[in-house]
Amino acid sequence: MKEYIEERAIQIANYIIESNATVRQTAKKFGISKSTVHKDVTERLFMINPALAARARQVLDINKSERHIRGGMATKDKYMRERSKFS
């Protein structure tokens, strides 16, 4: 594996852990695709630093389990903003 990919995987994992970031937020921050973020954390990082990979995976699993709640909140906010326009 190329050195810059290893460095990126470590940076991504540290960012996810420090900021509790989602895959989408991380991809936007680093200017890469969501699938690249996912592959870096789940596959590549595991070969480089398994302990760091496990910690990052923990955060991503929590985010994944909460995503349906965030989606519902976003929809609610959207309709509340639209409703306030007409009031």
N, C-alpha and C. Protein backbone atom coordinates (compact mmCIF):
# COMPACT_ATOMS: atom_id res chain seq x y z
N MET A 1 0.84 -1.18 0.00
CA MET A 1 0.00 0.00 0.00
C MET A 1 0.89 1.24 0.00
N LYS A 2 0.48 2.25 -0.74
CA LYS A 2 1.28 3.46 -0.83
C LYS A 2 1.22 4.24 0.48
N GLU A 3 2.30 4.93 0.75
CA GLU A 3 2.45 5.63 2.02
C GLU A 3 1.38 6.70 2.22
N TYR A 4 1.05 7.43 1.15
CA TYR A 4 0.07 8.51 1.31
C TYR A 4 -1.32 7.96 1.64
N ILE A 5 -1.62 6.76 1.18
CA ILE A 5 -2.91 6.14 1.50
C ILE A 5 -2.93 5.75 2.98
N GLU A 6 -1.82 5.22 3.47
CA GLU A 6 -1.74 4.86 4.88
C GLU A 6 -1.89 6.09 5.75
N GLU A 7 -1.21 7.17 5.40
CA GLU A 7 -1.31 8.42 6.16
C GLU A 7 -2.73 8.96 6.14
N ARG A 8 -3.37 8.91 4.96
CA ARG A 8 -4.75 9.39 4.84
C ARG A 8 -5.68 8.57 5.71
N ALA A 9 -5.51 7.26 5.72
CA ALA A 9 -6.37 6.38 6.53
C ALA A 9 -6.24 6.72 8.02
N ILE A 10 -5.03 6.98 8.46
CA ILE A 10 -4.81 7.35 9.87
C ILE A 10 -5.42 8.71 10.17
N GLN A 11 -5.24 9.68 9.27
CA GLN A 11 -5.83 11.00 9.46
C GLN A 11 -7.35 10.93 9.51
N ILE A 12 -7.92 10.14 8.62
CA ILE A 12 -9.37 9.99 8.58
C ILE A 12 -9.88 9.39 9.90
N ALA A 13 -9.23 8.35 10.36
CA ALA A 13 -9.66 7.71 11.61
C ALA A 13 -9.56 8.68 12.79
N ASN A 14 -8.47 9.41 12.86
CA ASN A 14 -8.32 10.38 13.95
C ASN A 14 -9.40 11.45 13.89
N TYR A 15 -9.72 11.91 12.69
CA TYR A 15 -10.76 12.93 12.52
C TYR A 15 -12.11 12.38 12.96
N ILE A 16 -12.43 11.17 12.56
CA ILE A 16 -13.71 10.56 12.93
C ILE A 16 -13.81 10.42 14.45
N ILE A 17 -12.75 9.98 15.07
CA ILE A 17 -12.76 9.77 16.52
C ILE A 17 -12.85 11.10 17.27
N GLU A 18 -12.06 12.08 16.87
CA GLU A 18 -12.02 13.37 17.57
C GLU A 18 -13.31 14.17 17.42
N SER A 19 -13.90 14.13 16.22
CA SER A 19 -15.06 14.98 15.97
C SER A 19 -16.38 14.22 15.91
N ASN A 20 -16.35 12.92 16.15
CA ASN A 20 -17.57 12.11 16.07
C ASN A 20 -18.24 12.27 14.72
N ALA A 21 -17.45 12.35 13.68
CA ALA A 21 -17.94 12.65 12.34
C ALA A 21 -18.56 11.44 11.67
N THR A 22 -19.49 11.72 10.78
CA THR A 22 -20.09 10.67 9.96
C THR A 22 -19.20 10.44 8.75
N VAL A 23 -19.49 9.39 8.00
CA VAL A 23 -18.74 9.10 6.77
C VAL A 23 -18.91 10.26 5.80
N ARG A 24 -20.12 10.78 5.69
CA ARG A 24 -20.39 11.89 4.76
C ARG A 24 -19.62 13.15 5.15
N GLN A 25 -19.61 13.49 6.42
CA GLN A 25 -18.86 14.66 6.89
C GLN A 25 -17.37 14.49 6.64
N THR A 26 -16.87 13.30 6.89
CA THR A 26 -15.45 13.02 6.70
C THR A 26 -15.07 13.11 5.23
N ALA A 27 -15.91 12.56 4.37
CA ALA A 27 -15.64 12.61 2.94
C ALA A 27 -15.58 14.05 2.45
N LYS A 28 -16.48 14.87 2.92
CA LYS A 28 -16.51 16.27 2.52
C LYS A 28 -15.26 17.00 3.01
N LYS A 29 -14.88 16.73 4.24
CA LYS A 29 -13.70 17.38 4.84
C LYS A 29 -12.42 17.04 4.07
N PHE A 30 -12.26 15.78 3.67
CA PHE A 30 -11.04 15.34 3.01
C PHE A 30 -11.12 15.40 1.49
N GLY A 31 -12.29 15.71 0.95
CA GLY A 31 -12.44 15.82 -0.49
C GLY A 31 -12.34 14.50 -1.22
N ILE A 32 -12.87 13.46 -0.59
CA ILE A 32 -12.86 12.12 -1.19
C ILE A 32 -14.28 11.56 -1.12
N SER A 33 -14.49 10.41 -1.73
CA SER A 33 -15.83 9.81 -1.75
C SER A 33 -16.13 9.09 -0.44
N LYS A 34 -17.41 8.87 -0.20
CA LYS A 34 -17.83 8.14 1.00
C LYS A 34 -17.31 6.71 0.97
N SER A 35 -17.27 6.12 -0.21
CA SER A 35 -16.78 4.74 -0.30
C SER A 35 -15.30 4.66 0.01
N THR A 36 -14.54 5.68 -0.34
CA THR A 36 -13.11 5.71 -0.01
C THR A 36 -12.93 5.82 1.50
N VAL A 37 -13.71 6.66 2.14
CA VAL A 37 -13.63 6.79 3.60
C VAL A 37 -13.93 5.44 4.24
N HIS A 38 -15.00 4.83 3.79
CA HIS A 38 -15.40 3.54 4.36
C HIS A 38 -14.32 2.48 4.16
N LYS A 39 -13.76 2.41 2.97
CA LYS A 39 -12.72 1.42 2.68
C LYS A 39 -11.46 1.69 3.50
N ASP A 40 -11.08 2.98 3.62
CA ASP A 40 -9.90 3.32 4.41
C ASP A 40 -10.06 2.88 5.86
N VAL A 41 -11.23 3.11 6.42
CA VAL A 41 -11.43 2.81 7.85
C VAL A 41 -11.64 1.32 8.09
N THR A 42 -12.40 0.66 7.22
CA THR A 42 -12.73 -0.74 7.50
C THR A 42 -11.70 -1.74 7.01
N GLU A 43 -11.02 -1.45 5.92
CA GLU A 43 -10.08 -2.42 5.36
C GLU A 43 -8.62 -1.99 5.51
N ARG A 44 -8.29 -0.85 4.97
CA ARG A 44 -6.88 -0.43 4.94
C ARG A 44 -6.32 -0.16 6.32
N LEU A 45 -7.08 0.56 7.14
CA LEU A 45 -6.59 0.92 8.47
C LEU A 45 -6.43 -0.32 9.35
N PHE A 46 -7.26 -1.32 9.14
CA PHE A 46 -7.16 -2.54 9.93
C PHE A 46 -5.80 -3.21 9.75
N MET A 47 -5.22 -3.10 8.55
CA MET A 47 -3.90 -3.69 8.31
C MET A 47 -2.79 -2.84 8.92
N ILE A 48 -3.02 -1.53 9.04
CA ILE A 48 -2.00 -0.60 9.54
C ILE A 48 -2.02 -0.53 11.06
N ASN A 49 -3.20 -0.26 11.62
CA ASN A 49 -3.34 -0.05 13.05
C ASN A 49 -4.71 -0.59 13.50
N PRO A 50 -4.78 -1.86 13.87
CA PRO A 50 -6.08 -2.46 14.22
C PRO A 50 -6.79 -1.77 15.39
N ALA A 51 -6.04 -1.29 16.37
CA ALA A 51 -6.66 -0.64 17.53
C ALA A 51 -7.34 0.66 17.12
N LEU A 52 -6.67 1.46 16.29
CA LEU A 52 -7.25 2.71 15.80
C LEU A 52 -8.46 2.42 14.91
N ALA A 53 -8.36 1.39 14.11
CA ALA A 53 -9.47 1.00 13.23
C ALA A 53 -10.69 0.62 14.06
N ALA A 54 -10.49 -0.09 15.14
CA ALA A 54 -11.60 -0.50 16.00
C ALA A 54 -12.28 0.70 16.64
N ARG A 55 -11.49 1.68 17.09
CA ARG A 55 -12.07 2.87 17.71
C ARG A 55 -12.86 3.69 16.70
N ALA A 56 -12.32 3.84 15.49
CA ALA A 56 -13.03 4.59 14.45
C ALA A 56 -14.30 3.85 14.05
N ARG A 57 -14.21 2.55 13.96
CA ARG A 57 -15.38 1.74 13.59
C ARG A 57 -16.48 1.86 14.62
N GLN A 58 -16.10 1.98 15.89
CA GLN A 58 -17.07 2.15 16.97
C GLN A 58 -17.89 3.42 16.75
N VAL A 59 -17.20 4.51 16.44
CA VAL A 59 -17.89 5.78 16.19
C VAL A 59 -18.81 5.67 14.98
N LEU A 60 -18.32 5.06 13.91
CA LEU A 60 -19.13 4.91 12.71
C LEU A 60 -20.35 4.02 12.97
N ASP A 61 -20.20 3.00 13.78
CA ASP A 61 -21.34 2.13 14.09
C ASP A 61 -22.40 2.89 14.89
N ILE A 62 -21.96 3.73 15.81
CA ILE A 62 -22.91 4.55 16.58
C ILE A 62 -23.63 5.51 15.63
N ASN A 63 -22.88 6.16 14.76
CA ASN A 63 -23.50 7.08 13.80
C ASN A 63 -24.50 6.35 12.91
N LYS A 64 -24.15 5.17 12.50
CA LYS A 64 -25.04 4.40 11.63
C LYS A 64 -26.33 4.04 12.36
N SER A 65 -26.22 3.69 13.63
CA SER A 65 -27.41 3.32 14.39
C SER A 65 -28.32 4.52 14.66
N GLU A 66 -27.76 5.74 14.62
CA GLU A 66 -28.54 6.95 14.90
C GLU A 66 -29.01 7.67 13.63
N ARG A 67 -28.62 7.21 12.46
CA ARG A 67 -28.89 7.98 11.26
C ARG A 67 -30.37 8.13 10.95
N HIS A 68 -31.18 7.14 11.29
CA HIS A 68 -32.61 7.28 11.03
C HIS A 68 -33.23 8.38 11.89
N ILE A 69 -32.68 8.59 13.06
CA ILE A 69 -33.16 9.66 13.94
C ILE A 69 -32.78 11.02 13.37
N ARG A 70 -31.53 11.16 12.93
CA ARG A 70 -31.09 12.43 12.34
C ARG A 70 -31.88 12.76 11.08
N GLY A 71 -32.18 11.74 10.29
CA GLY A 71 -32.97 11.96 9.08
C GLY A 71 -34.36 12.47 9.40
N GLY A 72 -34.97 11.89 10.40
CA GLY A 72 -36.30 12.34 10.83
C GLY A 72 -36.27 13.75 11.37
N MET A 73 -35.22 14.08 12.11
CA MET A 73 -35.10 15.44 12.65
C MET A 73 -34.90 16.46 11.53
N ALA A 74 -34.13 16.08 10.52
CA ALA A 74 -33.91 16.98 9.38
C ALA A 74 -35.20 17.24 8.63
N THR A 75 -36.00 16.21 8.46
CA THR A 75 -37.29 16.36 7.78
C THR A 75 -38.22 17.25 8.60
N LYS A 76 -38.23 17.04 9.89
CA LYS A 76 -39.07 17.86 10.77
C LYS A 76 -38.65 19.33 10.69
N ASP A 77 -37.36 19.58 10.75
CA ASP A 77 -36.85 20.95 10.65
C ASP A 77 -37.23 21.59 9.33
N LYS A 78 -37.15 20.83 8.26
CA LYS A 78 -37.50 21.34 6.93
C LYS A 78 -38.95 21.82 6.91
N TYR A 79 -39.85 21.00 7.40
CA TYR A 79 -41.26 21.37 7.38
C TYR A 79 -41.58 22.48 8.37
N MET A 80 -40.85 22.55 9.45
CA MET A 80 -41.04 23.65 10.41
C MET A 80 -40.60 24.98 9.79
N ARG A 81 -39.50 24.97 9.04
CA ARG A 81 -39.04 26.19 8.35
C ARG A 81 -40.07 26.62 7.31
N GLU A 82 -40.58 25.67 6.53
CA GLU A 82 -41.58 25.98 5.52
C GLU A 82 -42.85 26.52 6.16
N ARG A 83 -43.23 25.94 7.25
CA ARG A 83 -44.45 26.37 7.96
C ARG A 83 -44.30 27.79 8.49
N SER A 84 -43.10 28.12 8.98
CA SER A 84 -42.88 29.46 9.53
C SER A 84 -42.89 30.54 8.46
N LYS A 85 -42.64 30.18 7.22
CA LYS A 85 -42.69 31.14 6.12
C LYS A 85 -44.10 31.68 5.91
N PHE A 86 -45.09 30.82 6.17
CA PHE A 86 -46.48 31.17 5.90
C PHE A 86 -47.19 31.73 7.13
N SER A 87 -46.53 31.74 8.25
CA SER A 87 -47.18 32.24 9.48
C SER A 87 -46.98 33.71 9.68
